[in-house]
Amino acid sequence: MRKQSEAMLLLPLLPVFLVGMFPMLLIGMLGSAGLVIFGILMIRVGLAGTMDAHGDFNQEIIAHGYASGPERAAQASDLQAASRMSLLLHLSGAAMIVAGIAGLFLVG
């Protein structure tokens, strides 16, 4: 039985590294201003998610009409789940902006 290469064990972690590389470079190179920029980007992602969920909901209503009870409940549940996720993105983005501004004024 052959031994597996240790490099093959790290291969599944490559996407995590590539996704995490951008924020780390942004914060490292720009400092607190990078934290503010990353917070703004998170808020924009939350807004895009909210608008996408509302667009899907509206398209379903327009294309298929007013749905029956269980279908309407499923659509409303999907809309609520997307809204909750975007609310978390808004809050964490705002917290990053506040931390970045505090870092600019208190540390820098």
N, C-alpha and C. Protein backbone atom coordinates (compact mmCIF):
# COMPACT_ATOMS: atom_id res chain seq x y z
N MET A 1 0.85 -1.18 0.00
CA MET A 1 0.00 0.00 0.00
C MET A 1 0.89 1.24 0.00
N ARG A 2 0.61 2.17 -0.95
CA ARG A 2 1.42 3.37 -1.06
C ARG A 2 0.99 4.41 -0.04
N LYS A 3 1.97 5.20 0.38
CA LYS A 3 1.65 6.32 1.27
C LYS A 3 1.21 7.49 0.42
N GLN A 4 0.20 8.19 0.89
CA GLN A 4 -0.26 9.38 0.19
C GLN A 4 0.67 10.55 0.47
N SER A 5 0.84 11.38 -0.53
CA SER A 5 1.69 12.55 -0.36
C SER A 5 1.04 13.53 0.62
N GLU A 6 1.88 14.20 1.39
CA GLU A 6 1.36 15.18 2.34
C GLU A 6 0.82 16.42 1.63
N ALA A 7 1.32 16.67 0.44
CA ALA A 7 0.82 17.81 -0.33
C ALA A 7 -0.63 17.59 -0.74
N MET A 8 -1.03 16.36 -0.96
CA MET A 8 -2.41 16.05 -1.33
C MET A 8 -3.37 16.35 -0.17
N LEU A 9 -2.87 16.30 1.05
CA LEU A 9 -3.71 16.62 2.20
C LEU A 9 -4.02 18.12 2.25
N LEU A 10 -3.11 18.94 1.74
CA LEU A 10 -3.30 20.38 1.76
C LEU A 10 -4.10 20.90 0.58
N LEU A 11 -4.29 20.08 -0.43
CA LEU A 11 -5.00 20.51 -1.63
C LEU A 11 -6.44 20.97 -1.36
N PRO A 12 -7.22 20.29 -0.50
CA PRO A 12 -8.57 20.80 -0.23
C PRO A 12 -8.59 22.15 0.49
N LEU A 13 -7.50 22.52 1.14
CA LEU A 13 -7.44 23.80 1.85
C LEU A 13 -7.04 24.96 0.95
N LEU A 14 -6.67 24.68 -0.29
CA LEU A 14 -6.25 25.73 -1.21
C LEU A 14 -7.33 26.78 -1.47
N PRO A 15 -8.60 26.41 -1.71
CA PRO A 15 -9.61 27.45 -1.91
C PRO A 15 -9.80 28.34 -0.69
N VAL A 16 -9.68 27.78 0.50
CA VAL A 16 -9.82 28.58 1.72
C VAL A 16 -8.69 29.60 1.79
N PHE A 17 -7.50 29.17 1.44
CA PHE A 17 -6.36 30.09 1.45
C PHE A 17 -6.53 31.19 0.41
N LEU A 18 -6.99 30.82 -0.79
CA LEU A 18 -7.13 31.81 -1.85
C LEU A 18 -8.23 32.82 -1.53
N VAL A 19 -9.32 32.38 -0.91
CA VAL A 19 -10.39 33.30 -0.55
C VAL A 19 -9.96 34.20 0.61
N GLY A 20 -9.23 33.66 1.55
CA GLY A 20 -8.80 34.43 2.71
C GLY A 20 -7.61 35.32 2.46
N MET A 21 -6.95 35.14 1.32
CA MET A 21 -5.76 35.93 1.03
C MET A 21 -6.10 37.40 0.77
N PHE A 22 -7.19 37.68 0.07
CA PHE A 22 -7.54 39.07 -0.25
C PHE A 22 -7.79 39.92 0.99
N PRO A 23 -8.65 39.49 1.94
CA PRO A 23 -8.84 40.35 3.12
C PRO A 23 -7.59 40.52 3.95
N MET A 24 -6.78 39.49 4.04
CA MET A 24 -5.56 39.61 4.85
C MET A 24 -4.58 40.59 4.22
N LEU A 25 -4.45 40.56 2.90
CA LEU A 25 -3.58 41.52 2.23
C LEU A 25 -4.14 42.93 2.33
N LEU A 26 -5.45 43.05 2.22
CA LEU A 26 -6.09 44.36 2.30
C LEU A 26 -5.86 44.99 3.67
N ILE A 27 -6.05 44.22 4.71
CA ILE A 27 -5.88 44.74 6.06
C ILE A 27 -4.40 44.97 6.35
N GLY A 28 -3.55 44.06 5.87
CA GLY A 28 -2.11 44.20 6.13
C GLY A 28 -1.49 45.39 5.42
N MET A 29 -1.93 45.64 4.21
CA MET A 29 -1.31 46.73 3.44
C MET A 29 -1.92 48.09 3.76
N LEU A 30 -3.20 48.13 4.07
CA LEU A 30 -3.86 49.41 4.29
C LEU A 30 -4.15 49.70 5.76
N GLY A 31 -3.97 48.73 6.62
CA GLY A 31 -4.20 48.92 8.04
C GLY A 31 -5.67 49.12 8.37
N SER A 32 -5.96 50.12 9.16
CA SER A 32 -7.34 50.38 9.58
C SER A 32 -8.22 50.82 8.42
N ALA A 33 -7.64 51.51 7.46
CA ALA A 33 -8.41 51.91 6.28
C ALA A 33 -8.86 50.67 5.50
N GLY A 34 -8.02 49.63 5.47
CA GLY A 34 -8.40 48.37 4.83
C GLY A 34 -9.56 47.72 5.54
N LEU A 35 -9.62 47.85 6.86
CA LEU A 35 -10.74 47.31 7.62
C LEU A 35 -12.03 48.05 7.27
N VAL A 36 -11.94 49.36 7.09
CA VAL A 36 -13.11 50.14 6.68
C VAL A 36 -13.56 49.73 5.29
N ILE A 37 -12.62 49.57 4.38
CA ILE A 37 -12.97 49.16 3.01
C ILE A 37 -13.61 47.77 3.01
N PHE A 38 -13.06 46.86 3.79
CA PHE A 38 -13.61 45.50 3.86
C PHE A 38 -15.01 45.53 4.48
N GLY A 39 -15.24 46.41 5.45
CA GLY A 39 -16.58 46.55 6.03
C GLY A 39 -17.58 47.07 5.01
N ILE A 40 -17.16 48.03 4.19
CA ILE A 40 -18.04 48.54 3.14
C ILE A 40 -18.36 47.44 2.14
N LEU A 41 -17.37 46.64 1.79
CA LEU A 41 -17.61 45.53 0.87
C LEU A 41 -18.58 44.51 1.45
N MET A 42 -18.48 44.26 2.75
CA MET A 42 -19.42 43.30 3.38
C MET A 42 -20.85 43.85 3.36
N ILE A 43 -21.00 45.13 3.59
CA ILE A 43 -22.34 45.73 3.54
C ILE A 43 -22.90 45.65 2.13
N ARG A 44 -22.06 45.86 1.13
CA ARG A 44 -22.52 45.76 -0.26
C ARG A 44 -22.94 44.34 -0.61
N VAL A 45 -22.22 43.35 -0.10
CA VAL A 45 -22.60 41.95 -0.34
C VAL A 45 -23.94 41.66 0.33
N GLY A 46 -24.15 42.19 1.53
CA GLY A 46 -25.45 42.03 2.20
C GLY A 46 -26.58 42.66 1.42
N LEU A 47 -26.35 43.85 0.87
CA LEU A 47 -27.37 44.51 0.06
C LEU A 47 -27.67 43.72 -1.21
N ALA A 48 -26.63 43.18 -1.83
CA ALA A 48 -26.83 42.40 -3.05
C ALA A 48 -27.62 41.12 -2.74
N GLY A 49 -27.34 40.49 -1.61
CA GLY A 49 -28.09 39.29 -1.22
C GLY A 49 -29.55 39.59 -0.95
N THR A 50 -29.81 40.71 -0.29
CA THR A 50 -31.19 41.11 -0.02
C THR A 50 -31.94 41.40 -1.31
N MET A 51 -31.31 42.15 -2.20
CA MET A 51 -31.97 42.48 -3.45
C MET A 51 -32.21 41.24 -4.31
N ASP A 52 -31.28 40.30 -4.29
CA ASP A 52 -31.44 39.06 -5.04
C ASP A 52 -32.59 38.24 -4.49
N ALA A 53 -32.69 38.15 -3.16
CA ALA A 53 -33.79 37.38 -2.54
C ALA A 53 -35.14 38.02 -2.84
N HIS A 54 -35.22 39.34 -2.76
CA HIS A 54 -36.48 40.02 -3.06
C HIS A 54 -36.84 39.87 -4.54
N GLY A 55 -35.82 39.92 -5.39
CA GLY A 55 -36.07 39.73 -6.82
C GLY A 55 -36.60 38.34 -7.13
N ASP A 56 -36.02 37.32 -6.48
CA ASP A 56 -36.52 35.95 -6.68
C ASP A 56 -37.95 35.80 -6.18
N PHE A 57 -38.23 36.41 -5.04
CA PHE A 57 -39.58 36.34 -4.47
C PHE A 57 -40.58 37.01 -5.40
N ASN A 58 -40.23 38.20 -5.87
CA ASN A 58 -41.13 38.93 -6.77
C ASN A 58 -41.32 38.20 -8.10
N GLN A 59 -40.26 37.62 -8.62
CA GLN A 59 -40.36 36.87 -9.87
C GLN A 59 -41.28 35.66 -9.71
N GLU A 60 -41.17 35.00 -8.58
CA GLU A 60 -42.03 33.84 -8.32
C GLU A 60 -43.50 34.27 -8.25
N ILE A 61 -43.76 35.39 -7.61
CA ILE A 61 -45.13 35.88 -7.51
C ILE A 61 -45.66 36.30 -8.88
N ILE A 62 -44.84 37.01 -9.66
CA ILE A 62 -45.28 37.49 -10.97
C ILE A 62 -45.45 36.34 -11.96
N ALA A 63 -44.49 35.42 -11.97
CA ALA A 63 -44.52 34.35 -12.98
C ALA A 63 -45.58 33.29 -12.68
N HIS A 64 -45.78 32.96 -11.39
CA HIS A 64 -46.66 31.85 -11.05
C HIS A 64 -47.92 32.29 -10.32
N GLY A 65 -48.06 33.57 -10.09
CA GLY A 65 -49.25 34.05 -9.40
C GLY A 65 -49.17 33.83 -7.91
N TYR A 66 -50.27 34.11 -7.25
CA TYR A 66 -50.34 33.97 -5.81
C TYR A 66 -50.39 32.49 -5.47
N ALA A 67 -49.43 31.99 -4.75
CA ALA A 67 -49.28 30.55 -4.50
C ALA A 67 -50.22 30.07 -3.40
N SER A 68 -50.32 28.76 -3.30
CA SER A 68 -51.12 28.16 -2.21
C SER A 68 -50.38 28.34 -0.89
N GLY A 69 -51.02 27.94 0.19
CA GLY A 69 -50.47 28.17 1.53
C GLY A 69 -49.07 27.61 1.75
N PRO A 70 -48.84 26.31 1.51
CA PRO A 70 -47.50 25.77 1.76
C PRO A 70 -46.42 26.37 0.85
N GLU A 71 -46.77 26.61 -0.41
CA GLU A 71 -45.78 27.22 -1.31
C GLU A 71 -45.47 28.65 -0.90
N ARG A 72 -46.50 29.37 -0.49
CA ARG A 72 -46.30 30.75 -0.04
C ARG A 72 -45.44 30.78 1.22
N ALA A 73 -45.66 29.81 2.12
CA ALA A 73 -44.86 29.74 3.34
C ALA A 73 -43.40 29.42 3.02
N ALA A 74 -43.17 28.55 2.05
CA ALA A 74 -41.80 28.22 1.66
C ALA A 74 -41.11 29.42 1.04
N GLN A 75 -41.83 30.16 0.21
CA GLN A 75 -41.24 31.36 -0.41
C GLN A 75 -40.92 32.41 0.65
N ALA A 76 -41.84 32.60 1.59
CA ALA A 76 -41.61 33.59 2.66
C ALA A 76 -40.45 33.15 3.55
N SER A 77 -40.34 31.84 3.79
CA SER A 77 -39.24 31.34 4.60
C SER A 77 -37.90 31.56 3.91
N ASP A 78 -37.84 31.33 2.60
CA ASP A 78 -36.60 31.59 1.86
C ASP A 78 -36.23 33.07 1.91
N LEU A 79 -37.22 33.93 1.77
CA LEU A 79 -36.98 35.37 1.82
C LEU A 79 -36.49 35.79 3.21
N GLN A 80 -37.09 35.21 4.25
CA GLN A 80 -36.67 35.54 5.62
C GLN A 80 -35.26 35.06 5.90
N ALA A 81 -34.91 33.87 5.43
CA ALA A 81 -33.56 33.34 5.65
C ALA A 81 -32.51 34.23 4.98
N ALA A 82 -32.79 34.65 3.76
CA ALA A 82 -31.86 35.54 3.06
C ALA A 82 -31.77 36.89 3.75
N SER A 83 -32.87 37.38 4.27
CA SER A 83 -32.86 38.66 4.97
C SER A 83 -32.07 38.58 6.26
N ARG A 84 -32.20 37.46 6.97
CA ARG A 84 -31.43 37.28 8.21
C ARG A 84 -29.93 37.25 7.92
N MET A 85 -29.55 36.53 6.87
CA MET A 85 -28.13 36.45 6.52
C MET A 85 -27.59 37.82 6.13
N SER A 86 -28.36 38.58 5.38
CA SER A 86 -27.89 39.90 4.98
C SER A 86 -27.84 40.85 6.18
N LEU A 87 -28.74 40.67 7.14
CA LEU A 87 -28.67 41.49 8.35
C LEU A 87 -27.37 41.23 9.11
N LEU A 88 -26.95 39.97 9.18
CA LEU A 88 -25.68 39.65 9.83
C LEU A 88 -24.50 40.27 9.08
N LEU A 89 -24.58 40.25 7.76
CA LEU A 89 -23.51 40.89 6.97
C LEU A 89 -23.49 42.40 7.19
N HIS A 90 -24.67 43.02 7.28
CA HIS A 90 -24.73 44.45 7.55
C HIS A 90 -24.13 44.79 8.91
N LEU A 91 -24.50 44.01 9.91
CA LEU A 91 -24.00 44.28 11.27
C LEU A 91 -22.49 44.07 11.36
N SER A 92 -21.99 42.99 10.78
CA SER A 92 -20.55 42.76 10.85
C SER A 92 -19.78 43.80 10.02
N GLY A 93 -20.35 44.22 8.89
CA GLY A 93 -19.72 45.27 8.10
C GLY A 93 -19.68 46.59 8.85
N ALA A 94 -20.77 46.92 9.53
CA ALA A 94 -20.80 48.16 10.32
C ALA A 94 -19.81 48.08 11.48
N ALA A 95 -19.70 46.91 12.10
CA ALA A 95 -18.74 46.75 13.19
C ALA A 95 -17.31 46.90 12.68
N MET A 96 -17.04 46.39 11.48
CA MET A 96 -15.70 46.55 10.91
C MET A 96 -15.41 48.01 10.58
N ILE A 97 -16.40 48.72 10.10
CA ILE A 97 -16.21 50.14 9.81
C ILE A 97 -15.94 50.91 11.09
N VAL A 98 -16.70 50.64 12.14
CA VAL A 98 -16.47 51.32 13.43
C VAL A 98 -15.09 50.99 13.97
N ALA A 99 -14.68 49.71 13.88
CA ALA A 99 -13.35 49.33 14.37
C ALA A 99 -12.25 49.99 13.55
N GLY A 100 -12.46 50.08 12.23
CA GLY A 100 -11.47 50.74 11.38
C GLY A 100 -11.35 52.22 11.66
N ILE A 101 -12.48 52.89 11.87
CA ILE A 101 -12.44 54.32 12.18
C ILE A 101 -11.80 54.55 13.54
N ALA A 102 -12.14 53.68 14.50
CA ALA A 102 -11.50 53.79 15.82
C ALA A 102 -10.00 53.56 15.70
N GLY A 103 -9.61 52.61 14.86
CA GLY A 103 -8.19 52.37 14.66
C GLY A 103 -7.48 53.55 14.00
N LEU A 104 -8.16 54.21 13.09
CA LEU A 104 -7.57 55.38 12.43
C LEU A 104 -7.34 56.52 13.40
N PHE A 105 -8.32 56.76 14.27
CA PHE A 105 -8.24 57.91 15.17
C PHE A 105 -7.47 57.62 16.45
N LEU A 106 -7.60 56.41 16.98
CA LEU A 106 -6.97 56.11 18.27
C LEU A 106 -5.54 55.59 18.12
N VAL A 107 -5.30 54.78 17.11
CA VAL A 107 -3.97 54.19 16.95
C VAL A 107 -3.11 54.96 15.97
N GLY A 108 -3.72 55.32 14.82
CA GLY A 108 -2.94 55.94 13.74
C GLY A 108 -2.82 57.39 13.94
